[in-house]
Amino acid sequence: MTGSGAAAPGAVTTASGRLRGLAAITFDFGNTLVRVDRAGLGRVVEVTAEAVCARGGIADRVAFLAAWAEERERQFREELPRFREVDLAQRVSRVLARFRGVPAPPANVPWDDVAAAACSTPDDITHVVEVYSRAFVAGLPPAPEAGALLARLRARGLRLAILSNWPLAATIDTYAEASGWLASLDAIVVSQRVGAIKPHAAIFAAAAAAVGDPGRRPSCTLATIGPPTWSAPGRLAGGPRTCTVGRTTRRCRRATAMRRPCPTSSCGLWASWNRTSDEPRREPGATTA
């Protein structure tokens, strides 16, 4: 899990040496600290649809769910190739516009977001976004040992952060507070705030800065934990010197070797790490959304 050589200043060491040189760890949010599967997200959208229909103006819940799914996929097609996070408020605006007289453009034609926004008030958008966020926090519980592991690593002197691609940073803030994680965390770094998604170097640089930029030291002192591909740091030029803790890799690779995505953890990782004291072992992963 670490680079070789002497431990960096402030880094943690243990009798086993398995944490030697490691100063900070970032954890992904979805499918690492909390399991996010299609069924769970589906329930969140169902709750959102019910609230929107109850508020009035949209009578067909099934049609709302279909429009939501279509606009979600459109956003991913448009934004992910640009390494940009999708905008939840924008999705809400587009979905509401479809029910208020603005036809959805063809799949290969961009939305006129000015025209879409004119169909709703700011309160309309805020209401739907807040319902969605509350439904997520209430409906998707944290992985069982997440809080205990964060607290134990914090007690060892490690700096910890959440590093996640997520369309609404406030949801992660609220979730972390409700789960009692804030005392263990130095930072919550979210793509919506940074303006770039993993695996772009900018978001890893933001995370490194948030935990004190341990990657500037000679040894590998920042580890990332999260689902495949998205948590492989330094894949683009200018990324910080980091390494990745992986489901199939019992020790992290040096940052200089990180030239392609590594298989990384999902929910099983930190639970087995907790049981085996310092080192993760291979376990089945969770289904991702």
Protein backbone atom coordinates (compact mmCIF):
# COMPACT_ATOMS: atom_id res chain seq x y z
CA MET A 1 0.00 0.00 0.00
CA THR A 2 2.98 2.32 0.23
CA GLY A 3 6.05 3.45 -1.56
CA SER A 4 9.41 2.11 -0.45
CA GLY A 5 11.97 3.96 1.61
CA ALA A 6 11.79 6.01 4.77
CA ALA A 7 8.47 7.21 6.05
CA ALA A 8 7.53 10.75 5.18
CA PRO A 9 7.19 13.28 8.01
CA GLY A 10 3.88 12.76 9.79
CA ALA A 11 3.26 9.42 8.13
CA VAL A 12 1.95 6.41 10.04
CA THR A 13 4.03 3.32 10.77
CA THR A 14 2.98 0.07 12.42
CA ALA A 15 4.72 -3.00 13.76
CA SER A 16 3.87 -4.86 10.58
CA GLY A 17 5.09 -2.01 8.41
CA ARG A 18 2.02 -2.28 6.21
CA LEU A 19 1.14 1.39 6.68
CA ARG A 20 4.71 2.69 6.64
CA GLY A 21 4.96 5.93 4.69
CA LEU A 22 1.22 6.33 4.33
CA ALA A 23 0.07 9.78 5.46
CA ALA A 24 -3.42 10.08 3.99
CA ILE A 25 -6.23 8.01 2.48
CA THR A 26 -9.13 9.15 0.33
CA PHE A 27 -12.28 7.04 0.14
CA ASP A 28 -14.81 7.10 -2.64
CA PHE A 29 -18.38 7.64 -1.46
CA GLY A 30 -20.59 5.43 -3.61
CA ASN A 31 -19.84 1.70 -3.42
CA THR A 32 -17.07 2.21 -0.90
CA LEU A 33 -18.48 3.98 2.16
CA VAL A 34 -22.07 3.39 1.09
CA ARG A 35 -23.42 0.77 -1.27
CA VAL A 36 -25.17 2.42 -4.20
CA ASP A 37 -26.90 -0.09 -6.47
CA ARG A 38 -29.54 0.29 -9.14
CA ALA A 39 -32.32 -0.79 -6.80
CA GLY A 40 -31.33 1.77 -4.18
CA LEU A 41 -31.09 4.61 -6.68
CA GLY A 42 -34.38 3.47 -8.17
CA ARG A 43 -36.07 3.88 -4.78
CA VAL A 44 -34.61 7.38 -4.45
CA VAL A 45 -36.03 8.40 -7.82
CA GLU A 46 -39.39 6.79 -6.94
CA VAL A 47 -39.59 8.91 -3.78
CA THR A 48 -38.68 11.98 -5.82
CA ALA A 49 -41.36 11.22 -8.41
CA GLU A 50 -44.00 10.77 -5.73
CA ALA A 51 -43.10 14.13 -4.17
CA VAL A 52 -43.15 15.92 -7.52
CA CYS A 53 -46.54 14.46 -8.43
CA ALA A 54 -47.95 15.25 -4.99
CA ARG A 55 -46.84 18.88 -5.36
CA GLY A 56 -48.99 19.11 -8.48
CA GLY A 57 -48.50 19.77 -12.15
CA ILE A 58 -47.40 16.26 -13.14
CA ALA A 59 -49.98 13.51 -12.91
CA ASP A 60 -48.15 10.66 -14.65
CA ARG A 61 -45.52 9.23 -12.28
CA VAL A 62 -44.43 6.58 -14.77
CA ALA A 63 -43.85 9.23 -17.43
CA PHE A 64 -41.82 11.28 -14.95
CA LEU A 65 -39.61 8.28 -14.17
CA ALA A 66 -39.07 7.61 -17.88
CA ALA A 67 -38.17 11.25 -18.57
CA TRP A 68 -35.78 11.26 -15.59
CA ALA A 69 -33.99 8.15 -16.90
CA GLU A 70 -33.71 9.58 -20.40
CA GLU A 71 -32.30 12.90 -19.21
CA ARG A 72 -29.89 11.17 -16.84
CA GLU A 73 -28.47 9.13 -19.71
CA ARG A 74 -28.30 12.22 -21.92
CA GLN A 75 -26.27 14.06 -19.28
CA PHE A 76 -23.82 11.21 -18.92
CA ARG A 77 -23.36 11.06 -22.71
CA GLU A 78 -22.73 14.80 -22.86
CA GLU A 79 -20.64 15.44 -19.77
CA LEU A 80 -18.51 12.39 -18.98
CA PRO A 81 -16.43 12.54 -22.19
CA ARG A 82 -15.50 16.09 -21.13
CA PHE A 83 -14.57 14.94 -17.60
CA ARG A 84 -17.38 17.09 -16.21
CA GLU A 85 -19.90 16.20 -13.54
CA VAL A 86 -23.56 16.04 -14.42
CA ASP A 87 -25.75 18.79 -12.96
CA LEU A 88 -28.72 17.52 -10.97
CA ALA A 89 -30.53 20.87 -11.05
CA GLN A 90 -30.12 20.94 -14.82
CA ARG A 91 -31.66 17.47 -15.06
CA VAL A 92 -34.62 18.57 -12.97
CA SER A 93 -35.08 21.65 -15.14
CA ARG A 94 -35.10 19.58 -18.32
CA VAL A 95 -37.50 16.98 -16.94
CA LEU A 96 -39.96 19.61 -15.72
CA ALA A 97 -39.75 21.44 -19.06
CA ARG A 98 -40.83 18.27 -20.85
CA PHE A 99 -44.07 18.34 -18.88
CA ARG A 100 -44.58 22.06 -19.39
CA GLY A 101 -44.66 22.33 -23.15
CA VAL A 102 -41.01 22.05 -24.23
CA PRO A 103 -40.34 18.91 -26.30
CA ALA A 104 -37.14 17.03 -25.58
CA PRO A 105 -34.59 17.46 -28.38
CA PRO A 106 -33.30 14.43 -30.28
CA ALA A 107 -30.56 12.46 -28.57
CA ASN A 108 -27.81 14.11 -30.64
CA VAL A 109 -29.10 17.68 -30.21
CA PRO A 110 -28.25 19.75 -27.10
CA TRP A 111 -30.99 21.12 -24.91
CA ASP A 112 -31.83 24.81 -24.95
CA ASP A 113 -31.35 25.12 -21.21
CA VAL A 114 -32.45 28.75 -21.16
CA ALA A 115 -35.82 27.78 -22.61
CA ALA A 116 -36.05 24.82 -20.22
CA ALA A 117 -35.26 26.96 -17.18
CA ALA A 118 -37.97 29.45 -18.15
CA CYS A 119 -40.57 26.71 -17.48
CA SER A 120 -39.75 26.47 -13.77
CA THR A 121 -39.11 28.71 -10.81
CA PRO A 122 -35.97 28.41 -8.68
CA ASP A 123 -38.19 27.06 -5.90
CA ASP A 124 -39.45 24.30 -8.21
CA ILE A 125 -35.89 23.17 -8.93
CA THR A 126 -34.72 23.46 -5.32
CA HIS A 127 -37.67 21.46 -4.06
CA VAL A 128 -37.00 18.50 -6.34
CA VAL A 129 -33.23 18.53 -5.70
CA GLU A 130 -33.76 18.62 -1.94
CA VAL A 131 -36.30 15.79 -2.05
CA TYR A 132 -33.87 13.69 -4.06
CA SER A 133 -31.02 14.44 -1.66
CA ARG A 134 -33.06 13.68 1.47
CA ALA A 135 -34.34 10.45 -0.07
CA PHE A 136 -30.78 9.34 -0.78
CA VAL A 137 -29.55 10.05 2.74
CA ALA A 138 -32.56 8.33 4.31
CA GLY A 139 -32.78 5.39 1.95
CA LEU A 140 -29.21 4.16 1.44
CA PRO A 141 -27.48 3.16 4.68
CA PRO A 142 -23.70 3.29 5.08
CA ALA A 143 -21.68 0.12 4.75
CA PRO A 144 -21.75 -1.48 8.22
CA GLU A 145 -18.17 -0.92 9.37
CA ALA A 146 -17.40 2.32 7.54
CA GLY A 147 -17.63 4.61 10.56
CA ALA A 148 -15.56 2.32 12.77
CA LEU A 149 -12.81 2.02 10.17
CA LEU A 150 -12.64 5.77 9.60
CA ALA A 151 -12.39 6.37 13.33
CA ARG A 152 -9.68 3.74 13.75
CA LEU A 153 -7.56 5.10 10.90
CA ARG A 154 -8.02 8.62 12.23
CA ALA A 155 -6.85 7.48 15.67
CA ARG A 156 -3.66 6.21 14.03
CA GLY A 157 -2.90 9.68 12.78
CA LEU A 158 -3.89 9.29 9.15
CA ARG A 159 -5.50 12.20 7.31
CA LEU A 160 -8.73 11.07 5.68
CA ALA A 161 -11.02 12.49 3.02
CA ILE A 162 -13.94 11.51 0.84
CA LEU A 163 -13.07 11.87 -2.85
CA SER A 164 -16.07 11.30 -5.08
CA ASN A 165 -17.71 11.90 -8.41
CA TRP A 166 -21.15 13.09 -7.35
CA PRO A 167 -23.66 15.53 -8.84
CA LEU A 168 -24.65 17.10 -5.53
CA ALA A 169 -21.91 17.73 -2.99
CA ALA A 170 -24.43 18.78 -0.34
CA THR A 171 -25.79 15.22 -0.30
CA ILE A 172 -22.39 13.83 0.70
CA ASP A 173 -21.96 16.58 3.30
CA THR A 174 -25.32 15.73 4.85
CA TYR A 175 -24.68 12.00 4.65
CA ALA A 176 -21.30 12.28 6.35
CA GLU A 177 -22.76 14.39 9.13
CA ALA A 178 -25.74 12.07 9.65
CA SER A 179 -23.42 9.04 9.74
CA GLY A 180 -21.08 10.59 12.32
CA TRP A 181 -18.05 10.64 10.00
CA LEU A 182 -17.14 14.33 10.15
CA ALA A 183 -14.89 13.96 13.20
CA SER A 184 -12.75 11.49 11.24
CA LEU A 185 -12.54 13.47 8.00
CA ASP A 186 -10.22 16.29 7.00
CA ALA A 187 -12.08 17.07 3.80
CA ILE A 188 -14.91 16.13 1.44
CA VAL A 189 -13.78 16.61 -2.15
CA VAL A 190 -16.58 16.29 -4.70
CA SER A 191 -16.53 16.63 -8.48
CA GLN A 192 -19.41 19.11 -8.43
CA ARG A 193 -17.27 21.54 -6.43
CA VAL A 194 -14.01 20.89 -8.26
CA GLY A 195 -15.46 21.12 -11.75
CA ALA A 196 -13.84 17.90 -12.96
CA ILE A 197 -14.52 14.21 -12.45
CA LYS A 198 -12.19 11.32 -11.73
CA PRO A 199 -9.96 10.24 -13.32
CA HIS A 200 -9.00 13.81 -14.32
CA ALA A 201 -5.84 14.96 -12.57
CA ALA A 202 -7.51 18.13 -11.27
CA ILE A 203 -9.74 16.36 -8.78
CA PHE A 204 -6.85 14.26 -7.41
CA ALA A 205 -4.79 17.43 -7.06
CA ALA A 206 -7.67 19.01 -5.13
CA ALA A 207 -7.80 16.00 -2.83
CA ALA A 208 -4.05 16.05 -2.26
CA ALA A 209 -4.22 19.73 -1.36
CA ALA A 210 -7.16 19.11 0.99
CA VAL A 211 -5.21 16.55 3.02
CA GLY A 212 -2.00 18.56 3.08
CA ASP A 213 -0.55 17.53 -0.28
CA PRO A 214 1.34 14.45 0.95
CA GLY A 215 2.00 13.48 -2.66
CA ARG A 216 4.73 16.12 -2.92
CA ARG A 217 6.95 14.03 -0.66
CA PRO A 218 9.41 11.56 -2.21
CA SER A 219 7.61 8.39 -1.14
CA CYS A 220 4.07 7.37 -2.01
CA THR A 221 2.08 8.78 0.91
CA LEU A 222 -1.48 9.18 -0.36
CA ALA A 223 -3.65 6.14 -1.08
CA THR A 224 -7.02 6.17 -2.83
CA ILE A 225 -9.79 3.64 -2.21
CA GLY A 226 -12.77 3.34 -4.53
CA PRO A 227 -14.45 1.52 -7.45
CA PRO A 228 -12.61 0.57 -10.66
CA THR A 229 -11.18 3.13 -13.10
CA TRP A 230 -12.53 6.24 -11.39
CA SER A 231 -10.13 5.96 -8.47
CA ALA A 232 -6.95 5.45 -10.51
CA PRO A 233 -5.02 8.68 -9.89
CA GLY A 234 -2.47 10.40 -12.05
CA ARG A 235 -3.81 8.93 -15.28
CA LEU A 236 -3.71 12.34 -16.90
CA ALA A 237 -0.64 14.55 -16.99
CA GLY A 238 -0.04 16.54 -13.84
CA GLY A 239 -1.70 14.16 -11.39
CA PRO A 240 -0.38 14.03 -7.82
CA ARG A 241 1.97 11.27 -6.67
CA THR A 242 -0.45 8.75 -5.24
CA CYS A 243 -1.15 5.04 -5.16
CA THR A 244 -4.29 2.91 -5.21
CA VAL A 245 -5.40 0.25 -2.77
CA GLY A 246 -6.91 -2.54 -4.83
CA ARG A 247 -9.12 -5.58 -4.38
CA THR A 248 -6.73 -7.72 -6.38
CA THR A 249 -3.49 -5.99 -5.36
CA ARG A 250 -2.31 -6.69 -1.83
CA ARG A 251 0.12 -3.78 -1.91
CA CYS A 252 -0.30 -0.49 -3.72
CA ARG A 253 1.72 0.25 -6.83
CA ARG A 254 4.03 3.22 -6.83
CA ALA A 255 2.55 6.34 -8.35
CA THR A 256 5.14 6.29 -11.11
CA ALA A 257 3.70 2.96 -12.30
CA MET A 258 0.10 4.25 -12.42
CA ARG A 259 -0.34 4.46 -16.18
CA ARG A 260 -3.64 2.59 -16.46
CA PRO A 261 -6.72 1.93 -14.30
CA CYS A 262 -6.24 -0.48 -11.43
CA PRO A 263 -8.92 -2.83 -10.06
CA THR A 264 -9.91 -1.15 -6.83
CA SER A 265 -12.20 -1.81 -3.95
CA SER A 266 -15.91 -1.73 -3.43
CA CYS A 267 -17.78 -2.23 -0.19
CA GLY A 268 -15.98 -5.39 0.88
CA LEU A 269 -12.57 -3.75 1.07
CA TRP A 270 -12.68 -1.73 4.24
CA ALA A 271 -14.63 -4.42 6.12
CA SER A 272 -11.91 -7.00 5.44
CA TRP A 273 -9.23 -4.37 6.09
CA ASN A 274 -10.78 -3.80 9.50
CA ARG A 275 -10.74 -7.53 10.25
CA THR A 276 -7.18 -8.13 9.11
CA SER A 277 -5.81 -5.08 10.93
CA ASP A 278 -3.89 -3.34 8.19
CA GLU A 279 -4.11 -4.98 4.81
CA PRO A 280 -7.13 -5.52 2.56
CA ARG A 281 -7.87 -8.90 1.07
CA ARG A 282 -9.89 -9.85 -1.97
CA GLU A 283 -13.66 -10.03 -1.47
CA PRO A 284 -16.66 -9.95 -3.80
CA GLY A 285 -17.66 -6.41 -4.77
CA ALA A 286 -21.02 -4.73 -4.80
CA THR A 287 -23.06 -4.03 -7.89
CA THR A 288 -22.56 -0.46 -9.00
CA ALA A 289 -25.20 1.86 -10.38
